[in-house]
Amino acid sequence: MNPNTPPPHDDDLPDERELAALYARLPKAEPDAALDAAVLAAALRVTPPVRRRPRWPVALGSAAVLVLAVGVGLHLRDTPIHDPVAGNAERFAAPAAAPVQEPAAAPAPAPVEAEAATPAPPPKLIAQSTAPTHAITRRIAEAPA
């Protein structure tokens, strides 16, 4: 019993026992058993029979979920684990000392007058986004540099 719950005798009202005794002395007006049986029989005739749903769909659904969960678990168990942290560590590792190459001598700039005299040809348009990738690559390769 909870210590905060008052004992049951605290719920009694004053003179409650006397009132209960007065109610007990009143005549009880109950129907006889024949009338009670007739009312119950009429109620059973009027109400439709209770149709219980079969339980097998719930059992079948539970079994299907269990098989699916086991299948996914087995599939994931056989899948190799990809550790993104380990892959990034190799990529960001300090590179080995590479031999330093001397920069090549830059070619002499072309005369400005020759560039101004020859207009540049218009660039070729790249194919629509719906075109296959190889067609786009071919057009870029064919374009003059």
N, C-alpha and C. Protein backbone atom coordinates (compact mmCIF):
# COMPACT_ATOMS: atom_id res chain seq x y z
N MET A 1 0.84 -1.17 0.00
CA MET A 1 0.00 0.00 0.00
C MET A 1 0.89 1.24 0.00
N ASN A 2 0.52 2.23 -0.73
CA ASN A 2 1.25 3.48 -0.80
C ASN A 2 1.07 4.23 0.53
N PRO A 3 2.14 4.74 1.12
CA PRO A 3 1.99 5.43 2.40
C PRO A 3 1.18 6.73 2.30
N ASN A 4 1.06 7.28 1.09
CA ASN A 4 0.30 8.53 0.92
C ASN A 4 -1.20 8.27 0.76
N THR A 5 -1.58 7.02 0.51
CA THR A 5 -2.99 6.69 0.33
C THR A 5 -3.65 6.57 1.71
N PRO A 6 -4.74 7.27 1.91
CA PRO A 6 -5.40 7.16 3.22
C PRO A 6 -6.02 5.78 3.38
N PRO A 7 -6.17 5.32 4.58
CA PRO A 7 -6.82 4.03 4.79
C PRO A 7 -8.27 4.08 4.35
N PRO A 8 -8.87 2.93 4.00
CA PRO A 8 -10.23 2.93 3.46
C PRO A 8 -11.28 3.46 4.41
N HIS A 9 -11.09 3.35 5.71
CA HIS A 9 -12.13 3.81 6.63
C HIS A 9 -12.23 5.34 6.67
N ASP A 10 -11.23 6.06 6.13
CA ASP A 10 -11.31 7.53 6.07
C ASP A 10 -12.29 7.99 5.00
N ASP A 11 -12.64 7.09 4.05
CA ASP A 11 -13.54 7.47 2.97
C ASP A 11 -15.01 7.43 3.40
N ASP A 12 -15.29 6.81 4.51
CA ASP A 12 -16.68 6.70 4.95
C ASP A 12 -17.22 8.07 5.36
N LEU A 13 -18.47 8.31 4.98
CA LEU A 13 -19.15 9.53 5.38
C LEU A 13 -19.82 9.31 6.74
N PRO A 14 -20.11 10.38 7.46
CA PRO A 14 -20.83 10.17 8.73
C PRO A 14 -22.22 9.60 8.45
N ASP A 15 -22.64 8.68 9.24
CA ASP A 15 -23.95 8.03 9.15
C ASP A 15 -24.13 7.23 7.85
N GLU A 16 -23.04 6.86 7.21
CA GLU A 16 -23.14 6.12 5.96
C GLU A 16 -23.65 4.70 6.20
N ARG A 17 -23.28 4.11 7.31
CA ARG A 17 -23.74 2.75 7.60
C ARG A 17 -25.25 2.72 7.83
N GLU A 18 -25.77 3.72 8.48
CA GLU A 18 -27.21 3.79 8.71
C GLU A 18 -27.96 3.93 7.38
N LEU A 19 -27.42 4.75 6.48
CA LEU A 19 -28.05 4.96 5.17
C LEU A 19 -28.02 3.67 4.36
N ALA A 20 -26.92 2.94 4.42
CA ALA A 20 -26.83 1.67 3.70
C ALA A 20 -27.83 0.66 4.25
N ALA A 21 -28.06 0.67 5.55
CA ALA A 21 -29.04 -0.25 6.15
C ALA A 21 -30.45 0.11 5.71
N LEU A 22 -30.76 1.40 5.59
CA LEU A 22 -32.09 1.82 5.12
C LEU A 22 -32.33 1.38 3.67
N TYR A 23 -31.32 1.52 2.81
CA TYR A 23 -31.46 1.09 1.42
C TYR A 23 -31.62 -0.42 1.34
N ALA A 24 -30.98 -1.15 2.19
CA ALA A 24 -31.09 -2.61 2.17
C ALA A 24 -32.49 -3.06 2.55
N ARG A 25 -33.21 -2.32 3.37
CA ARG A 25 -34.57 -2.69 3.80
C ARG A 25 -35.63 -2.39 2.75
N LEU A 26 -35.32 -1.58 1.74
CA LEU A 26 -36.31 -1.25 0.71
C LEU A 26 -36.66 -2.51 -0.08
N PRO A 27 -37.92 -2.58 -0.61
CA PRO A 27 -38.29 -3.76 -1.41
C PRO A 27 -37.55 -3.72 -2.75
N LYS A 28 -37.14 -4.88 -3.18
CA LYS A 28 -36.39 -4.98 -4.44
C LYS A 28 -37.37 -5.35 -5.55
N ALA A 29 -37.49 -4.48 -6.55
CA ALA A 29 -38.39 -4.73 -7.67
C ALA A 29 -37.56 -5.25 -8.84
N GLU A 30 -37.43 -6.56 -8.95
CA GLU A 30 -36.69 -7.18 -10.04
C GLU A 30 -37.65 -8.02 -10.84
N PRO A 31 -37.43 -8.10 -12.15
CA PRO A 31 -38.33 -8.96 -12.95
C PRO A 31 -38.05 -10.43 -12.62
N ASP A 32 -39.06 -11.25 -12.89
CA ASP A 32 -38.86 -12.66 -12.63
C ASP A 32 -37.95 -13.27 -13.70
N ALA A 33 -37.51 -14.46 -13.50
CA ALA A 33 -36.54 -15.11 -14.39
C ALA A 33 -37.12 -15.36 -15.77
N ALA A 34 -38.43 -15.60 -15.89
CA ALA A 34 -39.05 -15.86 -17.20
C ALA A 34 -39.01 -14.62 -18.07
N LEU A 35 -39.32 -13.46 -17.48
CA LEU A 35 -39.27 -12.22 -18.24
C LEU A 35 -37.83 -11.90 -18.66
N ASP A 36 -36.90 -12.13 -17.78
CA ASP A 36 -35.50 -11.89 -18.08
C ASP A 36 -35.04 -12.77 -19.24
N ALA A 37 -35.41 -14.03 -19.24
CA ALA A 37 -35.03 -14.96 -20.31
C ALA A 37 -35.69 -14.55 -21.63
N ALA A 38 -36.94 -14.08 -21.59
CA ALA A 38 -37.63 -13.66 -22.82
C ALA A 38 -36.95 -12.44 -23.44
N VAL A 39 -36.53 -11.50 -22.61
CA VAL A 39 -35.84 -10.30 -23.13
C VAL A 39 -34.50 -10.70 -23.75
N LEU A 40 -33.76 -11.56 -23.10
CA LEU A 40 -32.48 -12.00 -23.66
C LEU A 40 -32.66 -12.76 -24.97
N ALA A 41 -33.69 -13.60 -25.06
CA ALA A 41 -33.95 -14.35 -26.30
C ALA A 41 -34.32 -13.40 -27.44
N ALA A 42 -35.12 -12.38 -27.17
CA ALA A 42 -35.50 -11.41 -28.20
C ALA A 42 -34.28 -10.61 -28.67
N ALA A 43 -33.42 -10.29 -27.74
CA ALA A 43 -32.22 -9.54 -28.11
C ALA A 43 -31.30 -10.39 -28.99
N LEU A 44 -31.20 -11.67 -28.70
CA LEU A 44 -30.36 -12.55 -29.52
C LEU A 44 -30.93 -12.73 -30.91
N ARG A 45 -32.26 -12.74 -31.04
CA ARG A 45 -32.88 -12.88 -32.36
C ARG A 45 -32.66 -11.64 -33.21
N VAL A 46 -32.66 -10.48 -32.62
CA VAL A 46 -32.57 -9.23 -33.37
C VAL A 46 -31.12 -8.94 -33.79
N THR A 47 -30.18 -9.23 -32.95
CA THR A 47 -28.78 -8.90 -33.27
C THR A 47 -28.20 -9.92 -34.24
N PRO A 48 -27.37 -9.46 -35.16
CA PRO A 48 -26.74 -10.40 -36.10
C PRO A 48 -25.68 -11.22 -35.37
N PRO A 49 -25.38 -12.39 -35.91
CA PRO A 49 -24.36 -13.21 -35.26
C PRO A 49 -22.99 -12.53 -35.36
N VAL A 50 -22.19 -12.74 -34.37
CA VAL A 50 -20.86 -12.13 -34.32
C VAL A 50 -19.92 -12.94 -35.21
N ARG A 51 -19.32 -12.28 -36.15
CA ARG A 51 -18.35 -12.94 -37.03
C ARG A 51 -16.96 -12.57 -36.54
N ARG A 52 -16.22 -13.57 -36.24
CA ARG A 52 -14.86 -13.32 -35.79
C ARG A 52 -13.94 -13.34 -37.00
N ARG A 53 -13.01 -12.43 -36.98
CA ARG A 53 -12.02 -12.39 -38.06
C ARG A 53 -11.03 -13.53 -37.87
N PRO A 54 -10.58 -14.07 -38.96
CA PRO A 54 -9.56 -15.12 -38.82
C PRO A 54 -8.25 -14.53 -38.31
N ARG A 55 -7.52 -15.32 -37.59
CA ARG A 55 -6.26 -14.84 -37.01
C ARG A 55 -5.07 -15.09 -37.91
N TRP A 56 -5.22 -15.88 -38.96
CA TRP A 56 -4.06 -16.24 -39.77
C TRP A 56 -3.42 -15.07 -40.51
N PRO A 57 -4.13 -14.00 -40.92
CA PRO A 57 -3.41 -12.90 -41.59
C PRO A 57 -2.39 -12.23 -40.66
N VAL A 58 -2.72 -12.11 -39.39
CA VAL A 58 -1.77 -11.50 -38.45
C VAL A 58 -0.56 -12.40 -38.29
N ALA A 59 -0.78 -13.69 -38.18
CA ALA A 59 0.33 -14.62 -38.03
C ALA A 59 1.19 -14.65 -39.29
N LEU A 60 0.55 -14.64 -40.45
CA LEU A 60 1.29 -14.65 -41.70
C LEU A 60 2.09 -13.36 -41.87
N GLY A 61 1.52 -12.23 -41.53
CA GLY A 61 2.24 -10.96 -41.62
C GLY A 61 3.42 -10.91 -40.67
N SER A 62 3.25 -11.43 -39.47
CA SER A 62 4.35 -11.46 -38.51
C SER A 62 5.48 -12.35 -39.01
N ALA A 63 5.13 -13.50 -39.58
CA ALA A 63 6.16 -14.39 -40.12
C ALA A 63 6.89 -13.74 -41.29
N ALA A 64 6.16 -13.03 -42.14
CA ALA A 64 6.79 -12.36 -43.28
C ALA A 64 7.76 -11.28 -42.82
N VAL A 65 7.38 -10.51 -41.82
CA VAL A 65 8.27 -9.47 -41.29
C VAL A 65 9.51 -10.11 -40.68
N LEU A 66 9.34 -11.22 -39.99
CA LEU A 66 10.47 -11.90 -39.38
C LEU A 66 11.43 -12.42 -40.45
N VAL A 67 10.91 -13.03 -41.51
CA VAL A 67 11.76 -13.52 -42.59
C VAL A 67 12.47 -12.36 -43.27
N LEU A 68 11.78 -11.27 -43.49
CA LEU A 68 12.40 -10.10 -44.12
C LEU A 68 13.51 -9.53 -43.25
N ALA A 69 13.29 -9.44 -41.95
CA ALA A 69 14.30 -8.90 -41.05
C ALA A 69 15.53 -9.79 -41.01
N VAL A 70 15.33 -11.10 -40.98
CA VAL A 70 16.47 -12.02 -40.98
C VAL A 70 17.22 -11.91 -42.30
N GLY A 71 16.52 -11.82 -43.41
CA GLY A 71 17.17 -11.68 -44.72
C GLY A 71 18.00 -10.42 -44.82
N VAL A 72 17.46 -9.31 -44.36
CA VAL A 72 18.22 -8.05 -44.39
C VAL A 72 19.43 -8.14 -43.47
N GLY A 73 19.25 -8.76 -42.31
CA GLY A 73 20.37 -8.91 -41.38
C GLY A 73 21.48 -9.76 -41.97
N LEU A 74 21.14 -10.86 -42.62
CA LEU A 74 22.16 -11.70 -43.24
C LEU A 74 22.84 -10.98 -44.40
N HIS A 75 22.06 -10.22 -45.16
CA HIS A 75 22.65 -9.48 -46.27
C HIS A 75 23.63 -8.43 -45.77
N LEU A 76 23.27 -7.72 -44.72
CA LEU A 76 24.16 -6.70 -44.17
C LEU A 76 25.38 -7.32 -43.49
N ARG A 77 25.23 -8.52 -42.96
CA ARG A 77 26.37 -9.17 -42.32
C ARG A 77 27.44 -9.51 -43.35
N ASP A 78 27.04 -9.87 -44.58
CA ASP A 78 28.00 -10.24 -45.61
C ASP A 78 28.55 -9.03 -46.36
N THR A 79 28.00 -7.85 -46.15
CA THR A 79 28.45 -6.65 -46.84
C THR A 79 29.71 -6.11 -46.16
N PRO A 80 30.76 -5.78 -46.94
CA PRO A 80 31.96 -5.21 -46.30
C PRO A 80 31.66 -3.83 -45.73
N ILE A 81 32.31 -3.54 -44.64
CA ILE A 81 32.09 -2.26 -43.97
C ILE A 81 33.01 -1.22 -44.61
N HIS A 82 32.43 -0.12 -45.01
CA HIS A 82 33.20 0.98 -45.57
C HIS A 82 33.41 2.00 -44.47
N ASP A 83 34.67 2.21 -44.10
CA ASP A 83 35.00 3.15 -43.04
C ASP A 83 35.42 4.47 -43.69
N PRO A 84 34.57 5.50 -43.67
CA PRO A 84 34.92 6.76 -44.34
C PRO A 84 36.10 7.45 -43.66
N VAL A 85 36.30 7.23 -42.38
CA VAL A 85 37.41 7.89 -41.69
C VAL A 85 38.74 7.32 -42.17
N ALA A 86 38.81 6.00 -42.35
CA ALA A 86 40.06 5.39 -42.81
C ALA A 86 40.37 5.82 -44.24
N GLY A 87 39.35 5.94 -45.07
CA GLY A 87 39.58 6.38 -46.46
C GLY A 87 40.08 7.81 -46.50
N ASN A 88 39.56 8.67 -45.65
CA ASN A 88 40.01 10.06 -45.62
C ASN A 88 41.41 10.17 -45.07
N ALA A 89 41.80 9.30 -44.15
CA ALA A 89 43.13 9.36 -43.58
C ALA A 89 44.17 9.09 -44.65
N GLU A 90 43.92 8.15 -45.53
CA GLU A 90 44.87 7.85 -46.60
C GLU A 90 44.93 9.01 -47.60
N ARG A 91 43.80 9.60 -47.86
CA ARG A 91 43.77 10.67 -48.85
C ARG A 91 44.46 11.93 -48.34
N PHE A 92 44.30 12.22 -47.04
CA PHE A 92 44.88 13.43 -46.48
C PHE A 92 46.25 13.21 -45.86
N ALA A 93 46.81 12.03 -46.01
CA ALA A 93 48.14 11.77 -45.47
C ALA A 93 49.14 12.65 -46.22
N ALA A 94 50.21 12.99 -45.53
CA ALA A 94 51.23 13.86 -46.14
C ALA A 94 51.86 13.13 -47.32
N PRO A 95 51.93 13.74 -48.49
CA PRO A 95 52.54 13.08 -49.64
C PRO A 95 54.05 12.99 -49.46
N ALA A 96 54.61 11.98 -50.10
CA ALA A 96 56.06 11.82 -50.04
C ALA A 96 56.72 12.97 -50.81
N ALA A 97 57.95 13.25 -50.43
CA ALA A 97 58.67 14.36 -51.07
C ALA A 97 58.87 14.03 -52.55
N ALA A 98 58.28 14.83 -53.39
CA ALA A 98 58.39 14.63 -54.83
C ALA A 98 59.55 15.47 -55.35
N PRO A 99 60.23 14.98 -56.38
CA PRO A 99 61.33 15.78 -56.92
C PRO A 99 60.77 17.09 -57.49
N VAL A 100 61.48 18.13 -57.23
CA VAL A 100 61.06 19.45 -57.67
C VAL A 100 61.52 19.63 -59.11
N GLN A 101 60.57 19.99 -59.98
CA GLN A 101 60.90 20.22 -61.38
C GLN A 101 61.03 21.71 -61.62
N GLU A 102 61.98 22.02 -62.42
CA GLU A 102 62.17 23.42 -62.79
C GLU A 102 61.05 23.83 -63.73
N PRO A 103 60.47 25.00 -63.57
CA PRO A 103 59.43 25.42 -64.50
C PRO A 103 60.02 25.60 -65.90
N ALA A 104 59.25 25.16 -66.88
CA ALA A 104 59.70 25.28 -68.27
C ALA A 104 59.66 26.75 -68.67
N ALA A 105 60.52 27.07 -69.59
CA ALA A 105 60.56 28.45 -70.06
C ALA A 105 59.28 28.74 -70.82
N ALA A 106 58.67 29.85 -70.50
CA ALA A 106 57.41 30.23 -71.14
C ALA A 106 57.68 30.64 -72.57
N PRO A 107 56.82 30.27 -73.51
CA PRO A 107 57.03 30.69 -74.90
C PRO A 107 56.86 32.20 -75.02
N ALA A 108 57.51 32.72 -75.99
CA ALA A 108 57.44 34.16 -76.20
C ALA A 108 56.03 34.53 -76.61
N PRO A 109 55.49 35.62 -76.07
CA PRO A 109 54.13 36.01 -76.43
C PRO A 109 54.06 36.41 -77.90
N ALA A 110 52.93 36.09 -78.50
CA ALA A 110 52.72 36.42 -79.91
C ALA A 110 52.54 37.93 -80.03
N PRO A 111 52.86 38.46 -81.18
CA PRO A 111 52.68 39.89 -81.36
C PRO A 111 51.20 40.27 -81.23
N VAL A 112 50.95 41.38 -80.62
CA VAL A 112 49.60 41.85 -80.36
C VAL A 112 48.91 42.20 -81.66
N GLU A 113 49.62 42.69 -82.63
CA GLU A 113 49.00 43.12 -83.88
C GLU A 113 48.41 41.93 -84.63
N ALA A 114 49.06 40.77 -84.57
CA ALA A 114 48.56 39.60 -85.30
C ALA A 114 47.28 39.08 -84.68
N GLU A 115 47.18 39.14 -83.36
CA GLU A 115 45.95 38.68 -82.70
C GLU A 115 44.77 39.57 -83.04
N ALA A 116 44.97 40.84 -83.09
CA ALA A 116 43.89 41.78 -83.36
C ALA A 116 43.40 41.66 -84.79
N ALA A 117 44.28 41.28 -85.72
CA ALA A 117 43.89 41.22 -87.12
C ALA A 117 43.03 39.99 -87.41
N THR A 118 43.24 38.87 -86.69
CA THR A 118 42.50 37.64 -86.97
C THR A 118 41.40 37.48 -85.92
N PRO A 119 40.12 37.54 -86.33
CA PRO A 119 39.06 37.34 -85.35
C PRO A 119 38.96 35.86 -84.98
N ALA A 120 38.59 35.61 -83.74
CA ALA A 120 38.46 34.23 -83.27
C ALA A 120 37.17 33.62 -83.83
N PRO A 121 37.22 32.35 -84.19
CA PRO A 121 36.00 31.72 -84.71
C PRO A 121 34.99 31.53 -83.56
N PRO A 122 33.69 31.54 -83.86
CA PRO A 122 32.69 31.37 -82.79
C PRO A 122 32.78 29.95 -82.21
N PRO A 123 32.60 29.81 -80.91
CA PRO A 123 32.69 28.47 -80.31
C PRO A 123 31.51 27.61 -80.73
N LYS A 124 31.78 26.30 -80.83
CA LYS A 124 30.71 25.38 -81.19
C LYS A 124 29.82 25.18 -79.96
N LEU A 125 28.53 25.04 -80.21
CA LEU A 125 27.60 24.83 -79.11
C LEU A 125 27.70 23.40 -78.61
N ILE A 126 27.62 23.26 -77.31
CA ILE A 126 27.62 21.93 -76.71
C ILE A 126 26.21 21.36 -76.84
N ALA A 127 26.11 20.08 -77.03
CA ALA A 127 24.82 19.41 -77.26
C ALA A 127 23.88 19.61 -76.08
N GLN A 128 22.61 19.35 -76.34
CA GLN A 128 21.59 19.45 -75.30
C GLN A 128 21.93 18.49 -74.16
N SER A 129 21.36 18.76 -72.98
CA SER A 129 21.64 17.92 -71.81
C SER A 129 21.07 16.51 -71.97
N THR A 130 20.14 16.33 -72.93
CA THR A 130 19.56 15.01 -73.13
C THR A 130 20.43 14.13 -74.02
N ALA A 131 21.44 14.72 -74.67
CA ALA A 131 22.30 13.94 -75.56
C ALA A 131 23.18 13.02 -74.74
N PRO A 132 23.61 11.91 -75.33
CA PRO A 132 24.49 11.00 -74.60
C PRO A 132 25.83 11.66 -74.28
N THR A 133 26.48 11.17 -73.27
CA THR A 133 27.73 11.76 -72.80
C THR A 133 28.83 11.65 -73.85
N HIS A 134 28.89 10.53 -74.59
CA HIS A 134 29.97 10.35 -75.57
C HIS A 134 29.87 11.37 -76.69
N ALA A 135 28.66 11.80 -77.05
CA ALA A 135 28.50 12.80 -78.10
C ALA A 135 29.03 14.14 -77.61
N ILE A 136 28.81 14.47 -76.38
CA ILE A 136 29.32 15.72 -75.81
C ILE A 136 30.84 15.69 -75.77
N THR A 137 31.40 14.58 -75.35
CA THR A 137 32.85 14.45 -75.29
C THR A 137 33.46 14.57 -76.68
N ARG A 138 32.84 13.99 -77.69
CA ARG A 138 33.35 14.05 -79.06
C ARG A 138 33.33 15.50 -79.56
N ARG A 139 32.27 16.26 -79.29
CA ARG A 139 32.19 17.64 -79.76
C ARG A 139 33.25 18.51 -79.08
N ILE A 140 33.49 18.24 -77.82
CA ILE A 140 34.51 19.03 -77.12
C ILE A 140 35.88 18.71 -77.70
N ALA A 141 36.12 17.44 -78.04
CA ALA A 141 37.41 17.06 -78.61
C ALA A 141 37.59 17.66 -80.00
N GLU A 142 36.50 17.79 -80.77
CA GLU A 142 36.60 18.35 -82.12
C GLU A 142 36.74 19.85 -82.13
N ALA A 143 36.40 20.51 -81.05
CA ALA A 143 36.44 21.98 -81.00
C ALA A 143 37.89 22.43 -81.09
N PRO A 144 38.13 23.51 -81.84
CA PRO A 144 39.52 24.01 -81.92
C PRO A 144 39.96 24.57 -80.59
N ALA A 145 41.21 24.37 -80.30
CA ALA A 145 41.74 24.83 -79.02
C ALA A 145 42.11 26.28 -79.02
